[in-house]
C-alpha atoms as a PDB file:
ATOM      1  CA  UNK A   1      67.973  73.398 116.329  1.00  0.00           C
ATOM      2  CA  UNK A   2      70.699  74.768 113.636  1.00  0.00           C
ATOM      3  CA  UNK A   3      74.182  73.743 114.382  1.00  0.00           C
ATOM      4  CA  UNK A   4      76.478  76.359 115.912  1.00  0.00           C
ATOM      5  CA  UNK A   5      78.681  78.204 113.440  1.00  0.00           C
ATOM      6  CA  UNK A   6      82.277  77.121 113.363  1.00  0.00           C
ATOM      7  CA  UNK A   7      84.770  79.355 115.220  1.00  0.00           C
ATOM      8  CA  UNK A   8      86.571  82.049 113.360  1.00  0.00           C
ATOM      9  CA  UNK A   9      89.777  80.233 111.597  1.00  0.00           C
ATOM     10  CA  UNK A  10      93.162  81.989 110.192  1.00  0.00           C
ATOM     11  CA  UNK A  11      93.050  81.724 106.790  1.00  0.00           C
ATOM     12  CA  UNK A  12      96.758  83.272 106.479  1.00  0.00           C
ATOM     13  CA  UNK A  13      98.865  85.499 108.327  1.00  0.00           C
ATOM     14  CA  UNK A  14      97.330  87.745 110.642  1.00  0.00           C
ATOM     15  CA  UNK A  15      93.724  87.230 108.767  1.00  0.00           C
ATOM     16  CA  UNK A  16      90.572  85.648 110.048  1.00  0.00           C
ATOM     17  CA  UNK A  17      87.654  84.206 108.170  1.00  0.00           C
ATOM     18  CA  UNK A  18      84.070  84.699 110.004  1.00  0.00           C
ATOM     19  CA  UNK A  19      82.656  81.469 110.245  1.00  0.00           C
ATOM     20  CA  UNK A  20      79.564  82.273 108.007  1.00  0.00           C
ATOM     21  CA  UNK A  21      77.758  85.571 106.352  1.00  0.00           C
ATOM     22  CA  UNK A  22      74.861  87.330 107.847  1.00  0.00           C
ATOM     23  CA  UNK A  23      71.411  86.237 106.112  1.00  0.00           C
ATOM     24  CA  UNK A  24      70.244  88.591 103.519  1.00  0.00           C
ATOM     25  CA  UNK A  25      71.486  90.210 100.434  1.00  0.00           C
ATOM     26  CA  UNK A  26      75.119  90.443  99.838  1.00  0.00           C
ATOM     27  CA  UNK A  27      76.424  94.045 100.420  1.00  0.00           C
ATOM     28  CA  UNK A  28      77.151  96.223  97.370  1.00  0.00           C
ATOM     29  CA  UNK A  29      80.160  95.990  95.787  1.00  0.00           C
ATOM     30  CA  UNK A  30      81.922  99.077  94.671  1.00  0.00           C
ATOM     31  CA  UNK A  31      82.372  99.624  90.959  1.00  0.00           C
ATOM     32  CA  UNK A  32      85.868  98.854  89.727  1.00  0.00           C
ATOM     33  CA  UNK A  33      88.096 101.499  88.416  1.00  0.00           C
ATOM     34  CA  UNK A  34      89.926 101.359  85.033  1.00  0.00           C
ATOM     35  CA  UNK A  35      93.048  99.261  84.810  1.00  0.00           C
ATOM     36  CA  UNK A  36      94.814 102.364  84.607  1.00  0.00           C
ATOM     37  CA  UNK A  37      94.065 103.261  87.874  1.00  0.00           C
ATOM     38  CA  UNK A  38      96.188 100.133  89.288  1.00  0.00           C
ATOM     39  CA  UNK A  39      92.852  97.809  89.439  1.00  0.00           C
ATOM     40  CA  UNK A  40      91.593  98.581  92.544  1.00  0.00           C
ATOM     41  CA  UNK A  41      88.044  99.294  93.473  1.00  0.00           C
ATOM     42  CA  UNK A  42      86.208 102.203  94.379  1.00  0.00           C
ATOM     43  CA  UNK A  43      83.003 104.189  93.644  1.00  0.00           C
ATOM     44  CA  UNK A  44      83.421 106.083  90.743  1.00  0.00           C
ATOM     45  CA  UNK A  45      82.165 109.184  92.360  1.00  0.00           C
ATOM     46  CA  UNK A  46      84.933 108.720  95.123  1.00  0.00           C
ATOM     47  CA  UNK A  47      88.279 110.563  94.443  1.00  0.00           C
ATOM     48  CA  UNK A  48      87.236 112.213  90.912  1.00  0.00           C
ATOM     49  CA  UNK A  49      89.347 115.043  90.154  1.00  0.00           C
ATOM     50  CA  UNK A  50      87.598 118.482  89.514  1.00  0.00           C
ATOM     51  CA  UNK A  51      88.561 120.283  86.127  1.00  0.00           C
ATOM     52  CA  UNK A  52      90.806 122.602  86.427  1.00  0.00           C
ATOM     53  CA  UNK A  53      94.708 123.042  86.797  1.00  0.00           C
ATOM     54  CA  UNK A  54      97.294 120.466  88.496  1.00  0.00           C
ATOM     55  CA  UNK A  55      97.907 122.833  91.595  1.00  0.00           C
ATOM     56  CA  UNK A  56      93.872 122.966  92.046  1.00  0.00           C
ATOM     57  CA  UNK A  57      93.374 118.851  91.758  1.00  0.00           C
ATOM     58  CA  UNK A  58      96.181 118.554  94.314  1.00  0.00           C
ATOM     59  CA  UNK A  59      94.897 120.939  96.852  1.00  0.00           C
ATOM     60  CA  UNK A  60      91.690 119.170  96.437  1.00  0.00           C
ATOM     61  CA  UNK A  61      93.049 116.104  96.946  1.00  0.00           C
ATOM     62  CA  UNK A  62      95.125 117.051  99.648  1.00  0.00           C
ATOM     63  CA  UNK A  63      91.984 118.651 101.181  1.00  0.00           C
ATOM     64  CA  UNK A  64      90.480 115.185 101.559  1.00  0.00           C
ATOM     65  CA  UNK A  65      93.657 114.162 103.557  1.00  0.00           C
ATOM     66  CA  UNK A  66      92.798 117.350 105.952  1.00  0.00           C
ATOM     67  CA  UNK A  67      89.498 115.859 106.339  1.00  0.00           C
ATOM     68  CA  UNK A  68      90.475 112.763 107.139  1.00  0.00           C
ATOM     69  CA  UNK A  69      88.511 111.227 104.026  1.00  0.00           C
ATOM     70  CA  UNK A  70      91.301 108.662 103.480  1.00  0.00           C
ATOM     71  CA  UNK A  71      89.612 106.200 100.632  1.00  0.00           C
ATOM     72  CA  UNK A  72      88.497 109.029  98.802  1.00  0.00           C
ATOM     73  CA  UNK A  73      92.092 111.127  99.007  1.00  0.00           C
ATOM     74  CA  UNK A  74      93.564 107.533  98.101  1.00  0.00           C
ATOM     75  CA  UNK A  75      91.433 107.943  94.704  1.00  0.00           C
ATOM     76  CA  UNK A  76      92.134 111.451  94.410  1.00  0.00           C
ATOM     77  CA  UNK A  77      96.032 111.219  94.816  1.00  0.00           C
ATOM     78  CA  UNK A  78      96.439 108.053  92.477  1.00  0.00           C
ATOM     79  CA  UNK A  79      94.219 109.890  89.950  1.00  0.00           C
ATOM     80  CA  UNK A  80      96.931 112.878  90.412  1.00  0.00           C
ATOM     81  CA  UNK A  81      99.860 110.757  89.968  1.00  0.00           C
ATOM     82  CA  UNK A  82      98.668 109.151  86.770  1.00  0.00           C
ATOM     83  CA  UNK A  83      97.595 112.246  85.251  1.00  0.00           C
ATOM     84  CA  UNK A  84     100.232 114.617  86.404  1.00  0.00           C
ATOM     85  CA  UNK A  85     103.552 112.245  86.924  1.00  0.00           C
ATOM     86  CA  UNK A  86     105.674 115.043  85.950  1.00  0.00           C
ATOM     87  CA  UNK A  87     104.283 117.678  87.961  1.00  0.00           C
ATOM     88  CA  UNK A  88     106.206 119.346  90.674  1.00  0.00           C
ATOM     89  CA  UNK A  89     103.622 118.411  93.229  1.00  0.00           C
ATOM     90  CA  UNK A  90     103.529 114.912  91.914  1.00  0.00           C
ATOM     91  CA  UNK A  91     106.299 113.510  94.587  1.00  0.00           C
ATOM     92  CA  UNK A  92     103.953 115.433  97.222  1.00  0.00           C
ATOM     93  CA  UNK A  93     101.259 113.684  95.824  1.00  0.00           C
ATOM     94  CA  UNK A  94     102.833 110.243  95.920  1.00  0.00           C
ATOM     95  CA  UNK A  95     104.004 110.601  99.446  1.00  0.00           C
ATOM     96  CA  UNK A  96     100.188 111.480 100.786  1.00  0.00           C
ATOM     97  CA  UNK A  97      98.880 108.432  98.772  1.00  0.00           C
ATOM     98  CA  UNK A  98     101.118 106.248 101.157  1.00  0.00           C
ATOM     99  CA  UNK A  99      99.943 108.640 103.963  1.00  0.00           C
ATOM    100  CA  UNK A 100      96.496 107.438 103.424  1.00  0.00           C
ATOM    101  CA  UNK A 101      97.397 103.904 103.558  1.00  0.00           C
ATOM    102  CA  UNK A 102      99.303 104.093 106.526  1.00  0.00           C
ATOM    103  CA  UNK A 103      96.530 105.969 108.562  1.00  0.00           C
ATOM    104  CA  UNK A 104      94.420 103.188 107.800  1.00  0.00           C
ATOM    105  CA  UNK A 105      96.868 100.637 108.839  1.00  0.00           C
ATOM    106  CA  UNK A 106      97.506  99.241 105.302  1.00  0.00           C
ATOM    107  CA  UNK A 107     101.105  99.134 105.928  1.00  0.00           C
ATOM    108  CA  UNK A 108     102.143  96.931 102.977  1.00  0.00           C
ATOM    109  CA  UNK A 109     100.417  99.153 100.417  1.00  0.00           C
ATOM    110  CA  UNK A 110     101.752 102.056 102.463  1.00  0.00           C
ATOM    111  CA  UNK A 111     105.348 100.774 102.036  1.00  0.00           C
ATOM    112  CA  UNK A 112     104.659 100.042  98.259  1.00  0.00           C
ATOM    113  CA  UNK A 113     103.748 103.941  98.052  1.00  0.00           C
ATOM    114  CA  UNK A 114     106.485 105.115  99.951  1.00  0.00           C
ATOM    115  CA  UNK A 115     108.820 102.964  97.936  1.00  0.00           C
ATOM    116  CA  UNK A 116     107.459 104.107  94.555  1.00  0.00           C
ATOM    117  CA  UNK A 117     107.887 107.621  96.110  1.00  0.00           C
ATOM    118  CA  UNK A 118     111.212 107.421  96.723  1.00  0.00           C
ATOM    119  CA  UNK A 119     111.939 105.541  93.390  1.00  0.00           C
ATOM    120  CA  UNK A 120     110.149 108.176  91.243  1.00  0.00           C
ATOM    121  CA  UNK A 121     110.922 111.158  93.141  1.00  0.00           C
ATOM    122  CA  UNK A 122     114.504 110.934  94.560  1.00  0.00           C
ATOM    123  CA  UNK A 123     115.354 114.507  94.878  1.00  0.00           C
ATOM    124  CA  UNK A 124     111.867 115.454  95.410  1.00  0.00           C
ATOM    125  CA  UNK A 125     110.877 117.186  98.819  1.00  0.00           C
ATOM    126  CA  UNK A 126     109.048 114.336 100.017  1.00  0.00           C
ATOM    127  CA  UNK A 127     112.066 111.916  99.651  1.00  0.00           C
ATOM    128  CA  UNK A 128     113.584 111.905 102.999  1.00  0.00           C
ATOM    129  CA  UNK A 129     109.901 111.425 104.538  1.00  0.00           C
ATOM    130  CA  UNK A 130     109.058 108.805 102.159  1.00  0.00           C
ATOM    131  CA  UNK A 131     112.249 106.774 103.402  1.00  0.00           C
ATOM    132  CA  UNK A 132     111.324 107.493 106.905  1.00  0.00           C
ATOM    133  CA  UNK A 133     107.806 106.333 106.290  1.00  0.00           C
ATOM    134  CA  UNK A 134     108.951 103.176 104.371  1.00  0.00           C
ATOM    135  CA  UNK A 135     110.811 102.268 107.260  1.00  0.00           C
ATOM    136  CA  UNK A 136     108.128 103.016 109.706  1.00  0.00           C
ATOM    137  CA  UNK A 137     105.604 100.768 107.278  1.00  0.00           C
ATOM    138  CA  UNK A 138     108.196  97.990 107.055  1.00  0.00           C
ATOM    139  CA  UNK A 139     108.505  98.052 110.847  1.00  0.00           C
ATOM    140  CA  UNK A 140     104.625  97.814 111.213  1.00  0.00           C
ATOM    141  CA  UNK A 141     104.885  94.415 108.844  1.00  0.00           C
ATOM    142  CA  UNK A 142     107.536  92.995 111.071  1.00  0.00           C
ATOM    143  CA  UNK A 143     110.272  93.238 108.508  1.00  0.00           C
ATOM    144  CA  UNK A 144     112.573  94.773 110.606  1.00  0.00           C
ATOM    145  CA  UNK A 145     115.819  93.748 108.378  1.00  0.00           C
ATOM    146  CA  UNK A 146     114.434  95.817 105.541  1.00  0.00           C
ATOM    147  CA  UNK A 147     113.064  98.588 107.600  1.00  0.00           C
ATOM    148  CA  UNK A 148     116.425  99.432 109.204  1.00  0.00           C
ATOM    149  CA  UNK A 149     117.921  99.199 105.470  1.00  0.00           C
ATOM    150  CA  UNK A 150     115.281 102.115 104.690  1.00  0.00           C
ATOM    151  CA  UNK A 151     116.118 104.115 107.541  1.00  0.00           C
ATOM    152  CA  UNK A 152     120.164 103.745 107.067  1.00  0.00           C
ATOM    153  CA  UNK A 153     119.349 104.725 103.202  1.00  0.00           C
ATOM    154  CA  UNK A 154     117.679 108.171 104.699  1.00  0.00           C
ATOM    155  CA  UNK A 155     120.922 108.616 106.912  1.00  0.00           C
ATOM    156  CA  UNK A 156     122.831 108.064 103.804  1.00  0.00           C
ATOM    157  CA  UNK A 157     121.082 109.853 101.242  1.00  0.00           C
ATOM    158  CA  UNK A 158     119.974 112.635 103.499  1.00  0.00           C
ATOM    159  CA  UNK A 159     122.164 113.504 106.271  1.00  0.00           C
ATOM    160  CA  UNK A 160     120.449 116.755 107.213  1.00  0.00           C
ATOM    161  CA  UNK A 161     116.520 115.658 106.748  1.00  0.00           C
ATOM    162  CA  UNK A 162     115.439 118.358 109.231  1.00  0.00           C
ATOM    163  CA  UNK A 163     115.042 118.017 112.847  1.00  0.00           C
ATOM    164  CA  UNK A 164     111.641 116.115 112.924  1.00  0.00           C
ATOM    165  CA  UNK A 165     112.590 113.693 110.299  1.00  0.00           C
ATOM    166  CA  UNK A 166     116.022 112.651 111.997  1.00  0.00           C
ATOM    167  CA  UNK A 167     114.410 112.357 115.503  1.00  0.00           C
ATOM    168  CA  UNK A 168     111.552 110.226 114.027  1.00  0.00           C
ATOM    169  CA  UNK A 169     114.235 108.059 112.377  1.00  0.00           C
ATOM    170  CA  UNK A 170     116.156 108.195 115.441  1.00  0.00           C
ATOM    171  CA  UNK A 171     113.331 106.891 117.421  1.00  0.00           C
ATOM    172  CA  UNK A 172     112.434 104.054 115.002  1.00  0.00           C
ATOM    173  CA  UNK A 173     115.873 102.659 114.678  1.00  0.00           C
ATOM    174  CA  UNK A 174     115.886 102.531 118.560  1.00  0.00           C
ATOM    175  CA  UNK A 175     112.723 100.699 118.450  1.00  0.00           C
ATOM    176  CA  UNK A 176     114.233  98.330 116.039  1.00  0.00           C
ATOM    177  CA  UNK A 177     117.527  97.819 117.280  1.00  0.00           C
ATOM    178  CA  UNK A 178     118.934  99.189 114.010  1.00  0.00           C
END
């Protein structure tokens, strides 16, 4: 009789390694994207932007968000921002890229995307949203001080960001004790 597999063991903060892999061939790995796409991995057909105008491509990527196809939306939005960094919709696309991570609870990736969105598009229509979601993402990674800093930046830079953002930020600050 084979020995029992070892129990799960932590390999880092909050991560577990399964004791063994199931028998059979290894799962298929997605094809790597180009280094220009940030070095992440995804199937080559997922998130490909269709031909057409920047607006058509943005609408395609946003449609993937509406369908809750977050992996495909991530790839499409990343492509959009890379191909159209100066388009009027690039700031929105960067925000929604962060949202694809946030919805999948990839809060470190989300924080990076929201921070990048605020850095690159500080006057864009999604700038207040980026700061709010940056604070929320940081809070979910137990970075309370940094989360409070992002929310304070929101108050400083956008004293009237709109009622929904103002209320959500107020709730977050209360939860964090900012």
